[in-house]
Amino acid sequence: MVRVEKLKNEIRKRNTNLEKLAEAIDIDTSTLYRKMRRNGETFSIGEAERIKQHLKLSKKEAMNIFFDD
């Protein structure tokens, strides 16, 4: 399960927003909003990797966001 609040914090820390992130990872903004609301949708491995790259997350930061302990 994605830790949405941690992801939102990383987005804010990097002075970006969901619209820019959606464009950068090549998904529709509405799809990203749905995934952030956890309506049963999860991020694919490819999407998680593109988010990691776009936000310049470390491996540890990405693991902390995208995987439960």
C-alpha atoms as a PDB file:
ATOM      1  CA  MET A   1       0.000   0.000   0.000  1.00  0.00           C
ATOM      2  CA  VAL A   2       1.274   3.440  -0.915  1.00  0.00           C
ATOM      3  CA  ARG A   3       1.887   5.902   1.883  1.00  0.00           C
ATOM      4  CA  VAL A   4       0.042   8.741   0.186  1.00  0.00           C
ATOM      5  CA  GLU A   5       0.834  11.401   2.778  1.00  0.00           C
ATOM      6  CA  LYS A   6       4.559  10.709   2.481  1.00  0.00           C
ATOM      7  CA  LEU A   7       4.306  10.920  -1.298  1.00  0.00           C
ATOM      8  CA  LYS A   8       2.405  14.207  -1.045  1.00  0.00           C
ATOM      9  CA  ASN A   9       5.077  15.559   1.294  1.00  0.00           C
ATOM     10  CA  GLU A  10       7.822  14.642  -1.167  1.00  0.00           C
ATOM     11  CA  ILE A  11       5.902  16.304  -3.994  1.00  0.00           C
ATOM     12  CA  ARG A  12       5.600  19.499  -1.920  1.00  0.00           C
ATOM     13  CA  LYS A  13       9.255  19.385  -0.819  1.00  0.00           C
ATOM     14  CA  ARG A  14      10.293  19.327  -4.451  1.00  0.00           C
ATOM     15  CA  ASN A  15       8.104  22.312  -5.345  1.00  0.00           C
ATOM     16  CA  THR A  16       5.944  20.452  -7.808  1.00  0.00           C
ATOM     17  CA  ASN A  17       2.309  19.368  -7.964  1.00  0.00           C
ATOM     18  CA  LEU A  18       0.172  16.439  -9.046  1.00  0.00           C
ATOM     19  CA  GLU A  19      -0.483  17.870 -12.496  1.00  0.00           C
ATOM     20  CA  LYS A  20       3.238  18.181 -13.263  1.00  0.00           C
ATOM     21  CA  LEU A  21       3.928  14.758 -11.784  1.00  0.00           C
ATOM     22  CA  ALA A  22       1.191  13.134 -13.886  1.00  0.00           C
ATOM     23  CA  GLU A  23       2.633  14.699 -17.024  1.00  0.00           C
ATOM     24  CA  ALA A  24       6.165  13.615 -16.090  1.00  0.00           C
ATOM     25  CA  ILE A  25       5.168   9.983 -15.510  1.00  0.00           C
ATOM     26  CA  ASP A  26       2.902   9.938 -18.565  1.00  0.00           C
ATOM     27  CA  ILE A  27      -0.465   9.245 -16.972  1.00  0.00           C
ATOM     28  CA  ASP A  28      -3.667  11.249 -17.001  1.00  0.00           C
ATOM     29  CA  THR A  29      -4.042  13.689 -14.126  1.00  0.00           C
ATOM     30  CA  SER A  30      -7.400  12.174 -13.156  1.00  0.00           C
ATOM     31  CA  THR A  31      -5.766   8.740 -12.957  1.00  0.00           C
ATOM     32  CA  LEU A  32      -3.089  10.073 -10.627  1.00  0.00           C
ATOM     33  CA  TYR A  33      -5.726  11.738  -8.435  1.00  0.00           C
ATOM     34  CA  ARG A  34      -7.641   8.430  -8.243  1.00  0.00           C
ATOM     35  CA  LYS A  35      -4.514   6.539  -7.289  1.00  0.00           C
ATOM     36  CA  MET A  36      -3.691   9.122  -4.637  1.00  0.00           C
ATOM     37  CA  ARG A  37      -7.176   8.717  -3.155  1.00  0.00           C
ATOM     38  CA  ARG A  38      -6.660   4.948  -2.978  1.00  0.00           C
ATOM     39  CA  ASN A  39      -9.826   3.947  -4.800  1.00  0.00           C
ATOM     40  CA  GLY A  40      -8.524   0.435  -5.165  1.00  0.00           C
ATOM     41  CA  GLU A  41      -5.910   1.463  -7.708  1.00  0.00           C
ATOM     42  CA  THR A  42      -2.239   1.084  -7.068  1.00  0.00           C
ATOM     43  CA  PHE A  43       0.825   2.345  -8.848  1.00  0.00           C
ATOM     44  CA  SER A  44       2.474  -0.035 -11.253  1.00  0.00           C
ATOM     45  CA  ILE A  45       6.161  -0.789 -10.780  1.00  0.00           C
ATOM     46  CA  GLY A  46       6.879   1.364 -13.838  1.00  0.00           C
ATOM     47  CA  GLU A  47       4.881   4.286 -12.465  1.00  0.00           C
ATOM     48  CA  ALA A  48       6.593   4.006  -9.089  1.00  0.00           C
ATOM     49  CA  GLU A  49       9.990   3.998 -10.801  1.00  0.00           C
ATOM     50  CA  ARG A  50       9.085   7.052 -12.915  1.00  0.00           C
ATOM     51  CA  ILE A  51       7.863   8.868  -9.778  1.00  0.00           C
ATOM     52  CA  LYS A  52      11.121   7.956  -8.032  1.00  0.00           C
ATOM     53  CA  GLN A  53      13.131   9.318 -10.945  1.00  0.00           C
ATOM     54  CA  HIS A  54      11.064  12.478 -11.410  1.00  0.00           C
ATOM     55  CA  LEU A  55      11.121  13.373  -7.721  1.00  0.00           C
ATOM     56  CA  LYS A  56      14.750  12.264  -7.406  1.00  0.00           C
ATOM     57  CA  LEU A  57      13.890   9.994  -4.489  1.00  0.00           C
ATOM     58  CA  SER A  58      16.532   7.787  -2.972  1.00  0.00           C
ATOM     59  CA  LYS A  59      15.903   4.051  -3.033  1.00  0.00           C
ATOM     60  CA  LYS A  60      15.147   4.189   0.695  1.00  0.00           C
ATOM     61  CA  GLU A  61      12.663   7.069   0.278  1.00  0.00           C
ATOM     62  CA  ALA A  62      10.892   5.250  -2.555  1.00  0.00           C
ATOM     63  CA  MET A  63      10.711   1.996  -0.604  1.00  0.00           C
ATOM     64  CA  ASN A  64       9.296   3.882   2.376  1.00  0.00           C
ATOM     65  CA  ILE A  65       6.569   5.399   0.189  1.00  0.00           C
ATOM     66  CA  PHE A  66       5.604   2.472  -2.021  1.00  0.00           C
ATOM     67  CA  PHE A  67       5.990  -0.502   0.327  1.00  0.00           C
ATOM     68  CA  ASP A  68       4.707  -1.170   3.820  1.00  0.00           C
ATOM     69  CA  ASP A  69       7.176  -2.324   6.430  1.00  0.00           C
END
